[in-house]
C-alpha atoms as a PDB file:
ATOM      1  CA  MET A   1     -30.869 -18.016  29.846  1.00  0.00           C
ATOM      2  CA  THR A   2     -32.462 -18.418  27.231  1.00  0.00           C
ATOM      3  CA  THR A   3     -31.284 -21.029  24.750  1.00  0.00           C
ATOM      4  CA  ILE A   4     -30.789 -20.189  20.994  1.00  0.00           C
ATOM      5  CA  PHE A   5     -32.564 -23.285  18.471  1.00  0.00           C
ATOM      6  CA  ASN A   6     -32.610 -20.884  15.118  1.00  0.00           C
ATOM      7  CA  LEU A   7     -30.882 -18.650  13.289  1.00  0.00           C
ATOM      8  CA  SER A   8     -31.948 -16.853   9.866  1.00  0.00           C
ATOM      9  CA  ILE A   9     -29.213 -14.368   8.686  1.00  0.00           C
ATOM     10  CA  SER A  10     -30.274 -11.809   5.817  1.00  0.00           C
ATOM     11  CA  ALA A  11     -28.030 -10.081   3.746  1.00  0.00           C
ATOM     12  CA  LYS A  12     -27.667  -8.146  -0.198  1.00  0.00           C
ATOM     13  CA  ALA A  13     -24.307  -8.465  -2.390  1.00  0.00           C
ATOM     14  CA  THR A  14     -23.668  -6.522  -5.229  1.00  0.00           C
ATOM     15  CA  LEU A  15     -20.896  -7.852  -7.553  1.00  0.00           C
ATOM     16  CA  ASN A  16     -19.122  -7.001 -10.227  1.00  0.00           C
ATOM     17  CA  LEU A  17     -18.293  -9.460 -12.683  1.00  0.00           C
ATOM     18  CA  HIS A  18     -17.184 -10.409 -16.649  1.00  0.00           C
ATOM     19  CA  SER A  19     -18.400 -12.567 -18.577  1.00  0.00           C
ATOM     20  CA  LEU A  20     -15.478 -15.360 -19.457  1.00  0.00           C
ATOM     21  CA  ASN A  21     -16.737 -17.610 -21.969  1.00  0.00           C
ATOM     22  CA  ASN A  22     -19.662 -15.418 -24.154  1.00  0.00           C
ATOM     23  CA  GLU A  23     -19.284 -15.815 -27.650  1.00  0.00           C
ATOM     24  CA  GLY A  24     -21.956 -14.210 -29.153  1.00  0.00           C
ATOM     25  CA  GLY A  25     -25.507 -13.678 -28.518  1.00  0.00           C
ATOM     26  CA  GLU A  26     -29.126 -15.020 -30.227  1.00  0.00           C
ATOM     27  CA  GLY A  27     -32.547 -13.646 -30.048  1.00  0.00           C
ATOM     28  CA  ASN A  28     -32.402 -13.727 -25.729  1.00  0.00           C
ATOM     29  CA  GLN A  29     -29.984 -16.477 -25.441  1.00  0.00           C
ATOM     30  CA  THR A  30     -26.052 -16.193 -25.185  1.00  0.00           C
ATOM     31  CA  GLN A  31     -24.211 -18.896 -26.605  1.00  0.00           C
ATOM     32  CA  THR A  32     -21.091 -20.439 -24.283  1.00  0.00           C
ATOM     33  CA  ARG A  33     -17.392 -20.338 -26.123  1.00  0.00           C
ATOM     34  CA  MET A  34     -16.734 -24.217 -26.380  1.00  0.00           C
ATOM     35  CA  VAL A  35     -13.475 -25.518 -27.698  1.00  0.00           C
ATOM     36  CA  ASN A  36     -12.436 -29.420 -28.390  1.00  0.00           C
ATOM     37  CA  ILE A  37      -9.744 -30.237 -26.401  1.00  0.00           C
ATOM     38  CA  VAL A  38      -8.263 -34.465 -26.265  1.00  0.00           C
ATOM     39  CA  ASP A  39      -7.500 -35.811 -22.674  1.00  0.00           C
ATOM     40  CA  GLU A  40      -4.277 -38.383 -21.734  1.00  0.00           C
ATOM     41  CA  THR A  41      -6.244 -41.337 -23.597  1.00  0.00           C
ATOM     42  CA  GLY A  42      -7.182 -40.034 -26.639  1.00  0.00           C
ATOM     43  CA  ARG A  43     -10.696 -39.156 -25.925  1.00  0.00           C
ATOM     44  CA  LEU A  44     -12.282 -35.739 -27.296  1.00  0.00           C
ATOM     45  CA  HIS A  45     -14.113 -34.240 -25.014  1.00  0.00           C
ATOM     46  CA  ASN A  46     -16.212 -30.313 -25.735  1.00  0.00           C
ATOM     47  CA  VAL A  47     -15.878 -27.870 -22.845  1.00  0.00           C
ATOM     48  CA  ASN A  48     -16.207 -24.306 -22.402  1.00  0.00           C
ATOM     49  CA  ALA A  49     -13.148 -22.203 -23.239  1.00  0.00           C
ATOM     50  CA  ILE A  50     -12.338 -18.289 -21.793  1.00  0.00           C
ATOM     51  CA  SER A  51     -10.980 -15.957 -24.850  1.00  0.00           C
ATOM     52  CA  GLY A  52      -7.401 -14.815 -25.576  1.00  0.00           C
ATOM     53  CA  ASP A  53      -9.133 -11.081 -25.121  1.00  0.00           C
ATOM     54  CA  MET A  54      -9.996 -11.522 -22.004  1.00  0.00           C
ATOM     55  CA  LEU A  55      -6.937 -13.336 -20.878  1.00  0.00           C
ATOM     56  CA  LYS A  56      -4.574 -11.127 -22.158  1.00  0.00           C
ATOM     57  CA  HIS A  57      -7.353  -8.211 -20.263  1.00  0.00           C
ATOM     58  CA  MET A  58      -6.873 -10.568 -16.590  1.00  0.00           C
ATOM     59  CA  GLN A  59      -2.311 -10.041 -17.228  1.00  0.00           C
ATOM     60  CA  ALA A  60      -3.265  -6.280 -17.454  1.00  0.00           C
ATOM     61  CA  GLU A  61      -5.309  -6.401 -14.791  1.00  0.00           C
ATOM     62  CA  HIS A  62      -3.188  -8.169 -12.844  1.00  0.00           C
ATOM     63  CA  LEU A  63       0.249  -5.973 -13.819  1.00  0.00           C
ATOM     64  CA  TYR A  64      -1.268  -2.946 -13.279  1.00  0.00           C
ATOM     65  CA  ARG A  65      -2.226  -4.231  -9.378  1.00  0.00           C
ATOM     66  CA  ILE A  66       1.230  -4.788  -8.539  1.00  0.00           C
ATOM     67  CA  SER A  67       3.291  -2.532 -10.374  1.00  0.00           C
END
């Protein structure tokens, strides 16, 4: 019986993704939507955000699937 010492697997995947947090483009760069939040200790943090339109889209898609 032959012992396998090495195994290689190759695959190709196609992903259909949404851009959840892009705010706009400038030249060949895309600017992400950023918001400021305050944590429980009162410190300010600048974080990525998802637009309200995308939340509405995700909710409508979810309701469509469960109906």
